[in-house]
Amino acid sequence: REPSLGPCFGIKGGAAGGGYAQVVPMEDINLHFTGDIHAI
């Protein structure tokens, strides 16, 4: 799944994995990414 900005800026934080098991570019994925959520 792609992250939503609500949880990213809340207590849950990002959703691109953690430590050495992460998806990158992490900041892009957790923020505007390719604009899917804005289109929705």
PDB file of all heavy atoms in Angstrom:
ATOM      1  N   ARG A   1       0.828  -1.205   0.000  1.00  0.00           N
ATOM      2  CA  ARG A   1       0.000   0.000   0.000  1.00  0.00           C
ATOM      3  C   ARG A   1       0.864   1.258   0.000  1.00  0.00           C
ATOM      4  O   ARG A   1       1.991   1.251   0.479  1.00  0.00           O
ATOM      5  CB  ARG A   1      -0.912  -0.002   1.229  1.00  0.00           C
ATOM      6  CG  ARG A   1      -1.895  -1.142   1.238  1.00  0.00           C
ATOM      7  CD  ARG A   1      -2.616  -1.270   2.560  1.00  0.00           C
ATOM      8  NE  ARG A   1      -1.702  -1.637   3.630  1.00  0.00           N
ATOM      9  CZ  ARG A   1      -1.981  -1.544   4.913  1.00  0.00           C
ATOM     10  NH1 ARG A   1      -3.149  -1.083   5.302  1.00  0.00           N
ATOM     11  NH2 ARG A   1      -1.118  -1.916   5.815  1.00  0.00           N
ATOM     12  N   GLU A   2       0.286   2.352  -0.522  1.00  0.00           N
ATOM     13  CA  GLU A   2       1.027   3.609  -0.434  1.00  0.00           C
ATOM     14  C   GLU A   2       0.518   4.414   0.765  1.00  0.00           C
ATOM     15  O   GLU A   2      -0.663   4.376   1.099  1.00  0.00           O
ATOM     16  CB  GLU A   2       0.955   4.416  -1.726  1.00  0.00           C
ATOM     17  CG  GLU A   2      -0.400   4.790  -2.253  1.00  0.00           C
ATOM     18  CD  GLU A   2      -0.308   5.457  -3.629  1.00  0.00           C
ATOM     19  OE1 GLU A   2       0.161   6.608  -3.698  1.00  0.00           O
ATOM     20  OE2 GLU A   2      -0.716   4.832  -4.618  1.00  0.00           O
ATOM     21  N   PRO A   3       1.420   5.120   1.438  1.00  0.00           N
ATOM     22  CA  PRO A   3       1.055   5.814   2.677  1.00  0.00           C
ATOM     23  C   PRO A   3       0.133   7.009   2.450  1.00  0.00           C
ATOM     24  O   PRO A   3       0.162   7.644   1.405  1.00  0.00           O
ATOM     25  CB  PRO A   3       2.407   6.287   3.230  1.00  0.00           C
ATOM     26  CG  PRO A   3       3.442   5.488   2.511  1.00  0.00           C
ATOM     27  CD  PRO A   3       2.865   5.179   1.166  1.00  0.00           C
ATOM     28  N   SER A   4      -0.664   7.274   3.476  1.00  0.00           N
ATOM     29  CA  SER A   4      -1.516   8.465   3.526  1.00  0.00           C
ATOM     30  C   SER A   4      -0.829   9.517   4.397  1.00  0.00           C
ATOM     31  O   SER A   4      -0.152   9.193   5.375  1.00  0.00           O
ATOM     32  CB  SER A   4      -2.865   8.077   4.133  1.00  0.00           C
ATOM     33  OG  SER A   4      -3.524   9.197   4.660  1.00  0.00           O
ATOM     34  N   LEU A   5      -1.006  10.784   4.038  1.00  0.00           N
ATOM     35  CA  LEU A   5      -0.338  11.855   4.794  1.00  0.00           C
ATOM     36  C   LEU A   5      -0.856  11.966   6.229  1.00  0.00           C
ATOM     37  O   LEU A   5      -0.132  12.403   7.113  1.00  0.00           O
ATOM     38  CB  LEU A   5      -0.527  13.199   4.087  1.00  0.00           C
ATOM     39  CG  LEU A   5       0.248  13.389   2.776  1.00  0.00           C
ATOM     40  CD1 LEU A   5      -0.057  14.763   2.185  1.00  0.00           C
ATOM     41  CD2 LEU A   5       1.739  13.231   2.991  1.00  0.00           C
ATOM     42  N   GLY A   6      -2.125  11.556   6.475  1.00  0.00           N
ATOM     43  CA  GLY A   6      -2.671  11.643   7.838  1.00  0.00           C
ATOM     44  C   GLY A   6      -1.836  10.862   8.837  1.00  0.00           C
ATOM     45  O   GLY A   6      -1.274  11.420   9.790  1.00  0.00           O
ATOM     46  N   PRO A   7      -1.703   9.533   8.650  1.00  0.00           N
ATOM     47  CA  PRO A   7      -0.858   8.749   9.555  1.00  0.00           C
ATOM     48  C   PRO A   7       0.617   9.168   9.526  1.00  0.00           C
ATOM     49  O   PRO A   7       1.301   9.122  10.548  1.00  0.00           O
ATOM     50  CB  PRO A   7      -1.020   7.316   9.038  1.00  0.00           C
ATOM     51  CG  PRO A   7      -2.343   7.314   8.347  1.00  0.00           C
ATOM     52  CD  PRO A   7      -2.474   8.674   7.742  1.00  0.00           C
ATOM     53  N   CYS A   8       1.110   9.589   8.337  1.00  0.00           N
ATOM     54  CA  CYS A   8       2.528   9.985   8.238  1.00  0.00           C
ATOM     55  C   CYS A   8       2.851  11.141   9.175  1.00  0.00           C
ATOM     56  O   CYS A   8       3.929  11.192   9.764  1.00  0.00           O
ATOM     57  CB  CYS A   8       2.886  10.380   6.811  1.00  0.00           C
ATOM     58  SG  CYS A   8       3.181   8.970   5.726  1.00  0.00           S
ATOM     59  N   PHE A   9       1.919  12.085   9.287  1.00  0.00           N
ATOM     60  CA  PHE A   9       2.142  13.231  10.167  1.00  0.00           C
ATOM     61  C   PHE A   9       1.549  13.016  11.555  1.00  0.00           C
ATOM     62  O   PHE A   9       1.562  13.908  12.393  1.00  0.00           O
ATOM     63  CB  PHE A   9       1.568  14.506   9.530  1.00  0.00           C
ATOM     64  CG  PHE A   9       2.379  15.004   8.375  1.00  0.00           C
ATOM     65  CD1 PHE A   9       1.887  14.964   7.088  1.00  0.00           C
ATOM     66  CD2 PHE A   9       3.661  15.507   8.582  1.00  0.00           C
ATOM     67  CE1 PHE A   9       2.647  15.406   6.015  1.00  0.00           C
ATOM     68  CE2 PHE A   9       4.422  15.955   7.524  1.00  0.00           C
ATOM     69  CZ  PHE A   9       3.924  15.910   6.229  1.00  0.00           C
ATOM     70  N   GLY A  10       1.008  11.813  11.789  1.00  0.00           N
ATOM     71  CA  GLY A  10       0.446  11.481  13.097  1.00  0.00           C
ATOM     72  C   GLY A  10       1.383  10.573  13.863  1.00  0.00           C
ATOM     73  O   GLY A  10       2.573  10.450  13.559  1.00  0.00           O
ATOM     74  N   ILE A  11       0.819   9.872  14.848  1.00  0.00           N
ATOM     75  CA  ILE A  11       1.644   9.037  15.733  1.00  0.00           C
ATOM     76  C   ILE A  11       2.232   7.833  14.995  1.00  0.00           C
ATOM     77  O   ILE A  11       3.305   7.332  15.339  1.00  0.00           O
ATOM     78  CB  ILE A  11       0.815   8.587  16.964  1.00  0.00           C
ATOM     79  CG1 ILE A  11       1.748   8.047  18.056  1.00  0.00           C
ATOM     80  CG2 ILE A  11      -0.231   7.571  16.574  1.00  0.00           C
ATOM     81  CD1 ILE A  11       1.060   7.833  19.371  1.00  0.00           C
ATOM     82  N   LYS A  12       1.558   7.379  13.917  1.00  0.00           N
ATOM     83  CA  LYS A  12       2.011   6.176  13.229  1.00  0.00           C
ATOM     84  C   LYS A  12       3.276   6.415  12.412  1.00  0.00           C
ATOM     85  O   LYS A  12       4.116   5.535  12.271  1.00  0.00           O
ATOM     86  CB  LYS A  12       0.884   5.654  12.330  1.00  0.00           C
ATOM     87  CG  LYS A  12       1.159   4.257  11.802  1.00  0.00           C
ATOM     88  CD  LYS A  12      -0.019   3.696  11.055  1.00  0.00           C
ATOM     89  CE  LYS A  12       0.278   2.281  10.573  1.00  0.00           C
ATOM     90  NZ  LYS A  12      -0.728   1.768   9.658  1.00  0.00           N
ATOM     91  N   GLY A  13       3.398   7.583  11.810  1.00  0.00           N
ATOM     92  CA  GLY A  13       4.565   7.853  10.975  1.00  0.00           C
ATOM     93  C   GLY A  13       4.441   7.227   9.604  1.00  0.00           C
ATOM     94  O   GLY A  13       3.356   6.872   9.162  1.00  0.00           O
ATOM     95  N   GLY A  14       5.573   7.109   8.921  1.00  0.00           N
ATOM     96  CA  GLY A  14       5.594   6.638   7.536  1.00  0.00           C
ATOM     97  C   GLY A  14       5.275   5.166   7.397  1.00  0.00           C
ATOM     98  O   GLY A  14       5.159   4.440   8.375  1.00  0.00           O
ATOM     99  N   ALA A  15       5.156   4.723   6.140  1.00  0.00           N
ATOM    100  CA  ALA A  15       4.758   3.337   5.877  1.00  0.00           C
ATOM    101  C   ALA A  15       5.587   2.743   4.752  1.00  0.00           C
ATOM    102  O   ALA A  15       5.067   2.107   3.852  1.00  0.00           O
ATOM    103  CB  ALA A  15       3.273   3.284   5.540  1.00  0.00           C
ATOM    104  N   ALA A  16       6.903   2.991   4.809  1.00  0.00           N
ATOM    105  CA  ALA A  16       7.793   2.457   3.776  1.00  0.00           C
ATOM    106  C   ALA A  16       8.777   1.453   4.378  1.00  0.00           C
ATOM    107  O   ALA A  16       9.854   1.235   3.859  1.00  0.00           O
ATOM    108  CB  ALA A  16       8.540   3.597   3.084  1.00  0.00           C
ATOM    109  N   GLY A  17       8.379   0.826   5.488  1.00  0.00           N
ATOM    110  CA  GLY A  17       9.269  -0.116   6.159  1.00  0.00           C
ATOM    111  C   GLY A  17      10.154   0.594   7.170  1.00  0.00           C
ATOM    112  O   GLY A  17       9.913   1.744   7.520  1.00  0.00           O
ATOM    113  N   GLY A  18      11.191  -0.111   7.636  1.00  0.00           N
ATOM    114  CA  GLY A  18      12.068   0.489   8.642  1.00  0.00           C
ATOM    115  C   GLY A  18      13.424  -0.189   8.687  1.00  0.00           C
ATOM    116  O   GLY A  18      13.600  -1.309   8.197  1.00  0.00           O
ATOM    117  N   GLY A  19      14.386   0.499   9.281  1.00  0.00           N
ATOM    118  CA  GLY A  19      15.728  -0.055   9.406  1.00  0.00           C
ATOM    119  C   GLY A  19      16.316  -0.371   8.050  1.00  0.00           C
ATOM    120  O   GLY A  19      16.285   0.453   7.132  1.00  0.00           O
ATOM    121  N   TYR A  20      16.815  -1.613   7.903  1.00  0.00           N
ATOM    122  CA  TYR A  20      17.419  -2.035   6.644  1.00  0.00           C
ATOM    123  C   TYR A  20      16.442  -2.831   5.772  1.00  0.00           C
ATOM    124  O   TYR A  20      16.851  -3.531   4.861  1.00  0.00           O
ATOM    125  CB  TYR A  20      18.703  -2.823   6.920  1.00  0.00           C
ATOM    126  CG  TYR A  20      19.804  -1.908   7.420  1.00  0.00           C
ATOM    127  CD1 TYR A  20      20.032  -1.741   8.785  1.00  0.00           C
ATOM    128  CD2 TYR A  20      20.563  -1.161   6.526  1.00  0.00           C
ATOM    129  CE1 TYR A  20      21.004  -0.861   9.241  1.00  0.00           C
ATOM    130  CE2 TYR A  20      21.544  -0.288   6.977  1.00  0.00           C
ATOM    131  CZ  TYR A  20      21.757  -0.138   8.326  1.00  0.00           C
ATOM    132  OH  TYR A  20      22.720   0.738   8.778  1.00  0.00           O
ATOM    133  N   ALA A  21      15.165  -2.700   6.083  1.00  0.00           N
ATOM    134  CA  ALA A  21      14.106  -3.281   5.242  1.00  0.00           C
ATOM    135  C   ALA A  21      13.148  -2.154   4.869  1.00  0.00           C
ATOM    136  O   ALA A  21      12.053  -2.023   5.401  1.00  0.00           O
ATOM    137  CB  ALA A  21      13.377  -4.399   5.980  1.00  0.00           C
ATOM    138  N   GLN A  22      13.612  -1.301   3.969  1.00  0.00           N
ATOM    139  CA  GLN A  22      12.852  -0.122   3.575  1.00  0.00           C
ATOM    140  C   GLN A  22      12.699  -0.051   2.068  1.00  0.00           C
ATOM    141  O   GLN A  22      13.482  -0.605   1.305  1.00  0.00           O
ATOM    142  CB  GLN A  22      13.563   1.158   4.027  1.00  0.00           C
ATOM    143  CG  GLN A  22      13.536   1.426   5.506  1.00  0.00           C
ATOM    144  CD  GLN A  22      13.958   2.855   5.825  1.00  0.00           C
ATOM    145  OE1 GLN A  22      13.282   3.802   5.418  1.00  0.00           O
ATOM    146  NE2 GLN A  22      15.054   3.015   6.555  1.00  0.00           N
ATOM    147  N   VAL A  23      11.646   0.698   1.665  1.00  0.00           N
ATOM    148  CA  VAL A  23      11.433   1.012   0.260  1.00  0.00           C
ATOM    149  C   VAL A  23      11.845   2.463   0.045  1.00  0.00           C
ATOM    150  O   VAL A  23      11.560   3.335   0.874  1.00  0.00           O
ATOM    151  CB  VAL A  23       9.950   0.802  -0.122  1.00  0.00           C
ATOM    152  CG1 VAL A  23       9.713   1.136  -1.588  1.00  0.00           C
ATOM    153  CG2 VAL A  23       9.535  -0.636   0.147  1.00  0.00           C
ATOM    154  N   VAL A  24      12.550   2.705  -1.057  1.00  0.00           N
ATOM    155  CA  VAL A  24      13.050   4.049  -1.349  1.00  0.00           C
ATOM    156  C   VAL A  24      12.658   4.453  -2.770  1.00  0.00           C
ATOM    157  O   VAL A  24      12.398   3.580  -3.603  1.00  0.00           O
ATOM    158  CB  VAL A  24      14.596   4.099  -1.179  1.00  0.00           C
ATOM    159  CG1 VAL A  24      14.978   4.076   0.286  1.00  0.00           C
ATOM    160  CG2 VAL A  24      15.290   2.949  -1.922  1.00  0.00           C
ATOM    161  N   PRO A  25      12.566   5.780  -3.054  1.00  0.00           N
ATOM    162  CA  PRO A  25      12.873   6.921  -2.198  1.00  0.00           C
ATOM    163  C   PRO A  25      11.817   7.130  -1.108  1.00  0.00           C
ATOM    164  O   PRO A  25      10.660   7.446  -1.414  1.00  0.00           O
ATOM    165  CB  PRO A  25      12.902   8.103  -3.163  1.00  0.00           C
ATOM    166  CG  PRO A  25      12.042   7.681  -4.319  1.00  0.00           C
ATOM    167  CD  PRO A  25      12.193   6.198  -4.429  1.00  0.00           C
ATOM    168  N   MET A  26      12.230   6.936   0.131  1.00  0.00           N
ATOM    169  CA  MET A  26      11.317   6.903   1.272  1.00  0.00           C
ATOM    170  C   MET A  26      10.521   8.196   1.427  1.00  0.00           C
ATOM    171  O   MET A  26       9.307   8.172   1.638  1.00  0.00           O
ATOM    172  CB  MET A  26      12.089   6.589   2.554  1.00  0.00           C
ATOM    173  CG  MET A  26      11.233   6.488   3.803  1.00  0.00           C
ATOM    174  SD  MET A  26      11.053   8.049   4.675  1.00  0.00           S
ATOM    175  CE  MET A  26      12.626   8.158   5.499  1.00  0.00           C
ATOM    176  N   GLU A  27      11.186   9.348   1.323  1.00  0.00           N
ATOM    177  CA  GLU A  27      10.466  10.618   1.530  1.00  0.00           C
ATOM    178  C   GLU A  27       9.396  10.808   0.459  1.00  0.00           C
ATOM    179  O   GLU A  27       8.285  11.242   0.745  1.00  0.00           O
ATOM    180  CB  GLU A  27      11.428  11.820   1.484  1.00  0.00           C
ATOM    181  CG  GLU A  27      12.477  11.812   2.570  1.00  0.00           C
ATOM    182  CD  GLU A  27      13.815  11.300   2.047  1.00  0.00           C
ATOM    183  OE1 GLU A  27      13.808  10.300   1.283  1.00  0.00           O
ATOM    184  OE2 GLU A  27      14.840  11.873   2.395  1.00  0.00           O
ATOM    185  N   ASP A  28       9.718  10.469  -0.791  1.00  0.00           N
ATOM    186  CA  ASP A  28       8.740  10.628  -1.871  1.00  0.00           C
ATOM    187  C   ASP A  28       7.521   9.736  -1.639  1.00  0.00           C
ATOM    188  O   ASP A  28       6.377  10.170  -1.779  1.00  0.00           O
ATOM    189  CB  ASP A  28       9.370  10.248  -3.222  1.00  0.00           C
ATOM    190  CG  ASP A  28      10.457  11.216  -3.651  1.00  0.00           C
ATOM    191  OD1 ASP A  28      10.891  12.021  -2.813  1.00  0.00           O
ATOM    192  OD2 ASP A  28      10.874  11.153  -4.813  1.00  0.00           O
ATOM    193  N   ILE A  29       7.782   8.464  -1.292  1.00  0.00           N
ATOM    194  CA  ILE A  29       6.689   7.506  -1.085  1.00  0.00           C
ATOM    195  C   ILE A  29       5.780   7.975   0.043  1.00  0.00           C
ATOM    196  O   ILE A  29       4.550   7.891  -0.050  1.00  0.00           O
ATOM    197  CB  ILE A  29       7.261   6.102  -0.784  1.00  0.00           C
ATOM    198  CG1 ILE A  29       7.996   5.567  -2.016  1.00  0.00           C
ATOM    199  CG2 ILE A  29       6.151   5.131  -0.381  1.00  0.00           C
ATOM    200  CD1 ILE A  29       8.916   4.398  -1.718  1.00  0.00           C
ATOM    201  N   ASN A  30       6.361   8.499   1.118  1.00  0.00           N
ATOM    202  CA  ASN A  30       5.583   8.930   2.282  1.00  0.00           C
ATOM    203  C   ASN A  30       4.901  10.286   2.083  1.00  0.00           C
ATOM    204  O   ASN A  30       4.005  10.636   2.840  1.00  0.00           O
ATOM    205  CB  ASN A  30       6.468   8.999   3.519  1.00  0.00           C
ATOM    206  CG  ASN A  30       6.651   7.641   4.178  1.00  0.00           C
ATOM    207  OD1 ASN A  30       5.700   6.869   4.281  1.00  0.00           O
ATOM    208  ND2 ASN A  30       7.845   7.329   4.606  1.00  0.00           N
ATOM    209  N   LEU A  31       5.326  11.046   1.081  1.00  0.00           N
ATOM    210  CA  LEU A  31       4.722  12.366   0.872  1.00  0.00           C
ATOM    211  C   LEU A  31       3.820  12.347  -0.367  1.00  0.00           C
ATOM    212  O   LEU A  31       2.836  11.644  -0.392  1.00  0.00           O
ATOM    213  CB  LEU A  31       5.816  13.431   0.801  1.00  0.00           C
ATOM    214  CG  LEU A  31       6.593  13.597   2.127  1.00  0.00           C
ATOM    215  CD1 LEU A  31       7.772  14.543   1.959  1.00  0.00           C
ATOM    216  CD2 LEU A  31       5.672  14.091   3.239  1.00  0.00           C
ATOM    217  N   HIS A  32       4.156  13.079  -1.422  1.00  0.00           N
ATOM    218  CA  HIS A  32       3.216  13.205  -2.548  1.00  0.00           C
ATOM    219  C   HIS A  32       3.348  12.083  -3.566  1.00  0.00           C
ATOM    220  O   HIS A  32       2.451  11.875  -4.379  1.00  0.00           O
ATOM    221  CB  HIS A  32       3.409  14.557  -3.234  1.00  0.00           C
ATOM    222  CG  HIS A  32       3.311  15.708  -2.301  1.00  0.00           C
ATOM    223  ND1 HIS A  32       2.116  16.144  -1.786  1.00  0.00           N
ATOM    224  CD2 HIS A  32       4.264  16.506  -1.743  1.00  0.00           C
ATOM    225  CE1 HIS A  32       2.321  17.161  -0.974  1.00  0.00           C
ATOM    226  NE2 HIS A  32       3.612  17.395  -0.921  1.00  0.00           N
ATOM    227  N   PHE A  33       4.482  11.380  -3.555  1.00  0.00           N
ATOM    228  CA  PHE A  33       4.750  10.240  -4.435  1.00  0.00           C
ATOM    229  C   PHE A  33       4.455  10.611  -5.891  1.00  0.00           C
ATOM    230  O   PHE A  33       5.010  11.575  -6.399  1.00  0.00           O
ATOM    231  CB  PHE A  33       3.959   9.029  -3.951  1.00  0.00           C
ATOM    232  CG  PHE A  33       4.499   7.691  -4.430  1.00  0.00           C
ATOM    233  CD1 PHE A  33       5.813   7.550  -4.841  1.00  0.00           C
ATOM    234  CD2 PHE A  33       3.686   6.565  -4.458  1.00  0.00           C
ATOM    235  CE1 PHE A  33       6.310   6.333  -5.272  1.00  0.00           C
ATOM    236  CE2 PHE A  33       4.174   5.337  -4.882  1.00  0.00           C
ATOM    237  CZ  PHE A  33       5.484   5.222  -5.296  1.00  0.00           C
ATOM    238  N   THR A  34       3.569   9.881  -6.568  1.00  0.00           N
ATOM    239  CA  THR A  34       3.256  10.199  -7.966  1.00  0.00           C
ATOM    240  C   THR A  34       1.895  10.889  -8.095  1.00  0.00           C
ATOM    241  O   THR A  34       1.350  10.998  -9.193  1.00  0.00           O
ATOM    242  CB  THR A  34       3.271   8.922  -8.831  1.00  0.00           C
ATOM    243  OG1 THR A  34       2.350   7.987  -8.266  1.00  0.00           O
ATOM    244  CG2 THR A  34       4.658   8.303  -8.884  1.00  0.00           C
ATOM    245  N   GLY A  35       1.347  11.343  -6.972  1.00  0.00           N
ATOM    246  CA  GLY A  35       0.113  12.130  -7.015  1.00  0.00           C
ATOM    247  C   GLY A  35      -1.178  11.337  -7.005  1.00  0.00           C
ATOM    248  O   GLY A  35      -2.260  11.911  -7.170  1.00  0.00           O
ATOM    249  N   ASP A  36      -1.094  10.007  -6.788  1.00  0.00           N
ATOM    250  CA  ASP A  36      -2.312   9.177  -6.820  1.00  0.00           C
ATOM    251  C   ASP A  36      -3.357   9.660  -5.818  1.00  0.00           C
ATOM    252  O   ASP A  36      -4.544   9.781  -6.143  1.00  0.00           O
ATOM    253  CB  ASP A  36      -1.980   7.713  -6.502  1.00  0.00           C
ATOM    254  CG  ASP A  36      -1.090   7.072  -7.542  1.00  0.00           C
ATOM    255  OD1 ASP A  36      -0.969   7.639  -8.644  1.00  0.00           O
ATOM    256  OD2 ASP A  36      -0.526   6.001  -7.255  1.00  0.00           O
ATOM    257  N   ILE A  37      -2.914   9.890  -4.592  1.00  0.00           N
ATOM    258  CA  ILE A  37      -3.884  10.241  -3.537  1.00  0.00           C
ATOM    259  C   ILE A  37      -4.478  11.625  -3.794  1.00  0.00           C
ATOM    260  O   ILE A  37      -5.652  11.872  -3.515  1.00  0.00           O
ATOM    261  CB  ILE A  37      -3.246  10.106  -2.144  1.00  0.00           C
ATOM    262  CG1 ILE A  37      -2.919   8.627  -1.883  1.00  0.00           C
ATOM    263  CG2 ILE A  37      -4.164  10.641  -1.047  1.00  0.00           C
ATOM    264  CD1 ILE A  37      -2.298   8.319  -0.535  1.00  0.00           C
ATOM    265  N   HIS A  38      -3.691  12.529  -4.372  1.00  0.00           N
ATOM    266  CA  HIS A  38      -4.235  13.844  -4.729  1.00  0.00           C
ATOM    267  C   HIS A  38      -5.286  13.718  -5.828  1.00  0.00           C
ATOM    268  O   HIS A  38      -6.299  14.426  -5.823  1.00  0.00           O
ATOM    269  CB  HIS A  38      -3.101  14.774  -5.179  1.00  0.00           C
ATOM    270  CG  HIS A  38      -2.108  15.066  -4.109  1.00  0.00           C
ATOM    271  ND1 HIS A  38      -2.469  15.413  -2.820  1.00  0.00           N
ATOM    272  CD2 HIS A  38      -0.752  15.040  -4.110  1.00  0.00           C
ATOM    273  CE1 HIS A  38      -1.387  15.594  -2.083  1.00  0.00           C
ATOM    274  NE2 HIS A  38      -0.326  15.366  -2.840  1.00  0.00           N
ATOM    275  N   ALA A  39      -5.063  12.804  -6.786  1.00  0.00           N
ATOM    276  CA  ALA A  39      -6.049  12.585  -7.852  1.00  0.00           C
ATOM    277  C   ALA A  39      -7.350  12.030  -7.271  1.00  0.00           C
ATOM    278  O   ALA A  39      -8.449  12.413  -7.692  1.00  0.00           O
ATOM    279  CB  ALA A  39      -5.483  11.632  -8.897  1.00  0.00           C
ATOM    280  N   ILE A  40      -7.221  11.123  -6.305  1.00  0.00           N
ATOM    281  CA  ILE A  40      -8.405  10.557  -5.650  1.00  0.00           C
ATOM    282  C   ILE A  40      -9.141  11.642  -4.874  1.00  0.00           C
ATOM    283  O   ILE A  40     -10.380  11.709  -4.883  1.00  0.00           O
ATOM    284  CB  ILE A  40      -7.988   9.380  -4.740  1.00  0.00           C
ATOM    285  CG1 ILE A  40      -7.555   8.190  -5.612  1.00  0.00           C
ATOM    286  CG2 ILE A  40      -9.122   8.967  -3.792  1.00  0.00           C
ATOM    287  CD1 ILE A  40      -6.795   7.122  -4.872  1.00  0.00           C
TER     288      ILE A  40
END
